Amino acid sequence: MQFLVVTKQSSAPPPEMTLPLLQAMEAWLAEHRSSGKMKSVWAFAGTVGGGGVLDVDSHEELDEIMLGFPFAPFSTTEVLALSDIDRNLQGSKAVFQRIIETMGKP
């Protein structure tokens, strides 16, 4: 299961916490990159925040990973489940084909 996770700063951490949080973030990223769970990750240019794609076995595993996100107390997080575009297109075409067929029948 793949999820897009987007985080944006909601409040600034105290200055004395910033360096330790950045170091914790580096360690968190390294752990999840090396495990293969973090497929891609980026920062947003010009603002404080970023995102990534996580590939996990369950919603619970995603929750466990995000519970360790160092900037969580200072961020808002949005999680979107991802689906395969080709499968989605095939399913959408089948649904609309059935709708068209049904509309033509009394």
N, C-alpha and C. Protein backbone atom coordinates (compact mmCIF):
# COMPACT_ATOMS: atom_id res chain seq x y z
N MET A 1 0.85 -1.17 0.00
CA MET A 1 0.00 0.00 0.00
C MET A 1 0.89 1.23 0.00
N GLN A 2 0.61 2.13 -0.95
CA GLN A 2 1.40 3.35 -1.00
C GLN A 2 0.56 4.54 -0.57
N PHE A 3 1.23 5.44 0.16
CA PHE A 3 0.57 6.63 0.68
C PHE A 3 1.44 7.85 0.39
N LEU A 4 0.80 8.93 -0.01
CA LEU A 4 1.46 10.22 -0.11
C LEU A 4 1.23 10.93 1.22
N VAL A 5 2.31 11.33 1.85
CA VAL A 5 2.24 12.03 3.13
C VAL A 5 2.79 13.44 2.92
N VAL A 6 1.98 14.45 3.25
CA VAL A 6 2.37 15.85 3.10
C VAL A 6 2.31 16.50 4.47
N THR A 7 3.40 17.14 4.85
CA THR A 7 3.44 17.84 6.14
C THR A 7 3.77 19.31 5.91
N LYS A 8 3.15 20.15 6.71
CA LYS A 8 3.43 21.59 6.68
C LYS A 8 3.54 22.08 8.10
N GLN A 9 4.46 23.00 8.32
CA GLN A 9 4.66 23.54 9.66
C GLN A 9 3.41 24.29 10.11
N SER A 10 2.94 23.96 11.30
CA SER A 10 1.79 24.67 11.87
C SER A 10 2.22 25.67 12.94
N SER A 11 3.35 25.39 13.56
CA SER A 11 3.93 26.32 14.53
C SER A 11 5.43 26.05 14.57
N ALA A 12 6.18 27.07 14.93
CA ALA A 12 7.63 26.93 14.97
C ALA A 12 8.07 26.30 16.29
N PRO A 13 8.99 25.35 16.23
CA PRO A 13 9.53 24.82 17.48
C PRO A 13 10.40 25.87 18.16
N PRO A 14 10.57 25.75 19.45
CA PRO A 14 11.49 26.67 20.13
C PRO A 14 12.89 26.57 19.50
N PRO A 15 13.59 27.68 19.37
CA PRO A 15 14.91 27.66 18.71
C PRO A 15 15.87 26.61 19.27
N GLU A 16 15.85 26.41 20.58
CA GLU A 16 16.78 25.44 21.17
C GLU A 16 16.43 23.99 20.81
N MET A 17 15.23 23.76 20.30
CA MET A 17 14.82 22.41 19.90
C MET A 17 15.08 22.15 18.41
N THR A 18 15.33 23.20 17.65
CA THR A 18 15.40 23.06 16.20
C THR A 18 16.53 22.15 15.74
N LEU A 19 17.73 22.36 16.20
CA LEU A 19 18.85 21.52 15.77
C LEU A 19 18.64 20.05 16.17
N PRO A 20 18.25 19.76 17.43
CA PRO A 20 17.98 18.35 17.76
C PRO A 20 16.85 17.74 16.91
N LEU A 21 15.83 18.53 16.58
CA LEU A 21 14.75 18.02 15.72
C LEU A 21 15.25 17.73 14.31
N LEU A 22 16.10 18.60 13.78
CA LEU A 22 16.66 18.35 12.44
C LEU A 22 17.52 17.09 12.44
N GLN A 23 18.28 16.88 13.51
CA GLN A 23 19.10 15.67 13.61
C GLN A 23 18.22 14.42 13.74
N ALA A 24 17.14 14.53 14.50
CA ALA A 24 16.20 13.42 14.64
C ALA A 24 15.52 13.13 13.31
N MET A 25 15.23 14.19 12.54
CA MET A 25 14.61 14.02 11.23
C MET A 25 15.55 13.28 10.28
N GLU A 26 16.82 13.62 10.30
CA GLU A 26 17.80 12.90 9.48
C GLU A 26 17.83 11.42 9.83
N ALA A 27 17.81 11.10 11.10
CA ALA A 27 17.84 9.71 11.55
C ALA A 27 16.55 8.98 11.15
N TRP A 28 15.41 9.65 11.31
CA TRP A 28 14.11 9.06 10.95
C TRP A 28 14.07 8.75 9.47
N LEU A 29 14.52 9.70 8.65
CA LEU A 29 14.55 9.48 7.20
C LEU A 29 15.49 8.33 6.84
N ALA A 30 16.67 8.31 7.44
CA ALA A 30 17.64 7.25 7.14
C ALA A 30 17.08 5.88 7.47
N GLU A 31 16.40 5.78 8.61
CA GLU A 31 15.81 4.50 9.02
C GLU A 31 14.78 4.01 8.00
N HIS A 32 13.91 4.89 7.57
CA HIS A 32 12.82 4.47 6.70
C HIS A 32 13.23 4.38 5.23
N ARG A 33 14.28 5.09 4.85
CA ARG A 33 14.85 4.89 3.52
C ARG A 33 15.55 3.53 3.45
N SER A 34 16.35 3.22 4.46
CA SER A 34 17.11 1.96 4.44
C SER A 34 16.20 0.74 4.54
N SER A 35 15.04 0.90 5.18
CA SER A 35 14.08 -0.21 5.27
C SER A 35 13.31 -0.40 3.96
N GLY A 36 13.40 0.59 3.06
CA GLY A 36 12.66 0.53 1.81
C GLY A 36 11.24 1.04 1.91
N LYS A 37 10.84 1.50 3.08
CA LYS A 37 9.48 1.99 3.27
C LYS A 37 9.29 3.39 2.70
N MET A 38 10.33 4.22 2.75
CA MET A 38 10.26 5.58 2.23
C MET A 38 10.77 5.54 0.79
N LYS A 39 9.84 5.61 -0.16
CA LYS A 39 10.19 5.50 -1.57
C LYS A 39 10.76 6.79 -2.13
N SER A 40 10.22 7.90 -1.74
CA SER A 40 10.75 9.20 -2.14
C SER A 40 10.36 10.21 -1.07
N VAL A 41 11.14 11.26 -1.00
CA VAL A 41 10.90 12.28 0.02
C VAL A 41 11.48 13.60 -0.49
N TRP A 42 10.83 14.69 -0.14
CA TRP A 42 11.28 15.99 -0.61
C TRP A 42 10.86 17.07 0.37
N ALA A 43 11.48 18.23 0.23
CA ALA A 43 11.08 19.44 0.97
C ALA A 43 10.41 20.37 -0.02
N PHE A 44 9.54 21.24 0.48
CA PHE A 44 8.89 22.23 -0.36
C PHE A 44 9.74 23.49 -0.41
N ALA A 45 10.04 23.96 -1.59
CA ALA A 45 10.85 25.16 -1.76
C ALA A 45 10.06 26.38 -1.29
N GLY A 46 10.72 27.23 -0.54
CA GLY A 46 10.12 28.50 -0.15
C GLY A 46 9.17 28.43 1.03
N THR A 47 9.00 27.27 1.63
CA THR A 47 8.12 27.13 2.79
C THR A 47 8.65 26.00 3.66
N VAL A 48 8.13 25.89 4.86
CA VAL A 48 8.58 24.84 5.76
C VAL A 48 7.61 23.68 5.68
N GLY A 49 8.07 22.59 5.13
CA GLY A 49 7.25 21.40 4.98
C GLY A 49 7.83 20.51 3.91
N GLY A 50 7.16 19.40 3.69
CA GLY A 50 7.64 18.47 2.69
C GLY A 50 6.68 17.31 2.54
N GLY A 51 7.13 16.32 1.83
CA GLY A 51 6.28 15.17 1.61
C GLY A 51 7.09 13.97 1.20
N GLY A 52 6.38 12.87 1.07
CA GLY A 52 7.03 11.65 0.65
C GLY A 52 6.01 10.58 0.33
N VAL A 53 6.50 9.54 -0.32
CA VAL A 53 5.68 8.37 -0.62
C VAL A 53 6.22 7.22 0.23
N LEU A 54 5.32 6.65 1.04
CA LEU A 54 5.67 5.50 1.86
C LEU A 54 4.96 4.27 1.31
N ASP A 55 5.69 3.16 1.28
CA ASP A 55 5.16 1.88 0.82
C ASP A 55 5.15 0.95 2.02
N VAL A 56 3.96 0.70 2.57
CA VAL A 56 3.82 -0.05 3.81
C VAL A 56 2.83 -1.21 3.61
N ASP A 57 2.81 -2.13 4.56
CA ASP A 57 1.94 -3.29 4.47
C ASP A 57 0.53 -3.02 4.96
N SER A 58 0.36 -1.96 5.78
CA SER A 58 -0.95 -1.71 6.36
C SER A 58 -1.06 -0.26 6.81
N HIS A 59 -2.30 0.14 7.10
CA HIS A 59 -2.53 1.47 7.67
C HIS A 59 -1.85 1.59 9.03
N GLU A 60 -1.87 0.49 9.75
CA GLU A 60 -1.27 0.49 11.09
C GLU A 60 0.24 0.71 11.01
N GLU A 61 0.88 0.11 10.00
CA GLU A 61 2.32 0.32 9.85
C GLU A 61 2.62 1.78 9.51
N LEU A 62 1.82 2.37 8.65
CA LEU A 62 1.97 3.80 8.35
C LEU A 62 1.84 4.62 9.62
N ASP A 63 0.83 4.30 10.43
CA ASP A 63 0.62 5.02 11.68
C ASP A 63 1.83 4.89 12.60
N GLU A 64 2.40 3.70 12.71
CA GLU A 64 3.58 3.49 13.56
C GLU A 64 4.76 4.34 13.07
N ILE A 65 4.95 4.38 11.75
CA ILE A 65 6.04 5.19 11.21
C ILE A 65 5.81 6.68 11.50
N MET A 66 4.59 7.14 11.26
CA MET A 66 4.31 8.57 11.44
C MET A 66 4.29 8.98 12.91
N LEU A 67 4.06 8.04 13.82
CA LEU A 67 4.15 8.37 15.25
C LEU A 67 5.56 8.79 15.63
N GLY A 68 6.55 8.35 14.86
CA GLY A 68 7.94 8.72 15.12
C GLY A 68 8.41 9.95 14.39
N PHE A 69 7.53 10.59 13.60
CA PHE A 69 7.91 11.78 12.82
C PHE A 69 8.31 12.90 13.79
N PRO A 70 9.57 13.32 13.78
CA PRO A 70 10.06 14.26 14.79
C PRO A 70 9.32 15.60 14.84
N PHE A 71 8.88 16.10 13.70
CA PHE A 71 8.24 17.41 13.67
C PHE A 71 6.73 17.34 13.84
N ALA A 72 6.19 16.19 14.18
CA ALA A 72 4.73 16.02 14.31
C ALA A 72 4.09 17.06 15.23
N PRO A 73 4.67 17.38 16.40
CA PRO A 73 4.00 18.35 17.27
C PRO A 73 3.92 19.77 16.68
N PHE A 74 4.68 20.00 15.62
CA PHE A 74 4.75 21.34 15.04
C PHE A 74 4.23 21.36 13.60
N SER A 75 3.50 20.31 13.21
CA SER A 75 3.08 20.16 11.82
C SER A 75 1.63 19.73 11.69
N THR A 76 1.07 20.04 10.53
CA THR A 76 -0.17 19.40 10.10
C THR A 76 0.22 18.36 9.06
N THR A 77 -0.47 17.25 9.08
CA THR A 77 -0.13 16.15 8.18
C THR A 77 -1.36 15.72 7.40
N GLU A 78 -1.18 15.53 6.10
CA GLU A 78 -2.24 15.02 5.25
C GLU A 78 -1.74 13.71 4.64
N VAL A 79 -2.57 12.69 4.67
CA VAL A 79 -2.22 11.38 4.12
C VAL A 79 -3.23 11.01 3.05
N LEU A 80 -2.72 10.66 1.88
CA LEU A 80 -3.57 10.25 0.77
C LEU A 80 -3.16 8.86 0.30
N ALA A 81 -4.12 7.94 0.24
CA ALA A 81 -3.85 6.60 -0.29
C ALA A 81 -3.67 6.70 -1.80
N LEU A 82 -2.69 6.01 -2.33
CA LEU A 82 -2.41 6.05 -3.75
C LEU A 82 -2.87 4.75 -4.41
N SER A 83 -3.32 4.87 -5.65
CA SER A 83 -3.69 3.67 -6.40
C SER A 83 -3.01 3.71 -7.76
N ASP A 84 -2.87 2.56 -8.37
CA ASP A 84 -2.24 2.43 -9.67
C ASP A 84 -3.10 3.13 -10.73
N ILE A 85 -2.51 4.03 -11.51
CA ILE A 85 -3.28 4.82 -12.47
C ILE A 85 -3.87 3.94 -13.57
N ASP A 86 -3.14 2.93 -14.04
CA ASP A 86 -3.66 2.09 -15.11
C ASP A 86 -4.88 1.29 -14.64
N ARG A 87 -4.79 0.74 -13.44
CA ARG A 87 -5.93 0.01 -12.88
C ARG A 87 -7.12 0.95 -12.66
N ASN A 88 -6.84 2.15 -12.18
CA ASN A 88 -7.89 3.14 -11.96
C ASN A 88 -8.59 3.50 -13.26
N LEU A 89 -7.82 3.72 -14.32
CA LEU A 89 -8.40 4.07 -15.61
C LEU A 89 -9.26 2.94 -16.16
N GLN A 90 -8.79 1.71 -16.03
CA GLN A 90 -9.56 0.56 -16.52
C GLN A 90 -10.88 0.44 -15.76
N GLY A 91 -10.83 0.59 -14.44
CA GLY A 91 -12.05 0.52 -13.64
C GLY A 91 -13.01 1.64 -13.97
N SER A 92 -12.49 2.85 -14.16
CA SER A 92 -13.34 4.00 -14.50
C SER A 92 -14.01 3.80 -15.85
N LYS A 93 -13.26 3.30 -16.82
CA LYS A 93 -13.85 3.05 -18.14
C LYS A 93 -14.96 2.01 -18.05
N ALA A 94 -14.76 0.95 -17.27
CA ALA A 94 -15.78 -0.09 -17.12
C ALA A 94 -17.05 0.46 -16.47
N VAL A 95 -16.89 1.29 -15.46
CA VAL A 95 -18.05 1.89 -14.79
C VAL A 95 -18.84 2.77 -15.76
N PHE A 96 -18.15 3.62 -16.50
CA PHE A 96 -18.85 4.51 -17.42
C PHE A 96 -19.46 3.76 -18.59
N GLN A 97 -18.84 2.66 -19.00
CA GLN A 97 -19.44 1.83 -20.04
C GLN A 97 -20.77 1.25 -19.55
N ARG A 98 -20.80 0.79 -18.30
CA ARG A 98 -22.05 0.25 -17.73
C ARG A 98 -23.12 1.35 -17.61
N ILE A 99 -22.70 2.55 -17.25
CA ILE A 99 -23.66 3.66 -17.15
C ILE A 99 -24.26 3.96 -18.53
N ILE A 100 -23.41 4.02 -19.53
CA ILE A 100 -23.89 4.30 -20.89
C ILE A 100 -24.85 3.21 -21.36
N GLU A 101 -24.50 1.97 -21.08
CA GLU A 101 -25.38 0.85 -21.48
C GLU A 101 -26.71 0.92 -20.75
N THR A 102 -26.68 1.27 -19.47
CA THR A 102 -27.91 1.35 -18.68
C THR A 102 -28.78 2.51 -19.14
N MET A 103 -28.18 3.62 -19.53
CA MET A 103 -28.95 4.79 -19.97
C MET A 103 -29.72 4.51 -21.26
N GLY A 104 -29.20 3.59 -22.08
CA GLY A 104 -29.85 3.30 -23.34
C GLY A 104 -31.00 2.31 -23.22
N LYS A 105 -31.20 1.74 -22.04
CA LYS A 105 -32.25 0.75 -21.82
C LYS A 105 -33.39 1.36 -21.02
N PRO A 106 -34.63 1.06 -21.46
CA PRO A 106 -35.79 1.59 -20.70
C PRO A 106 -36.01 0.86 -19.41
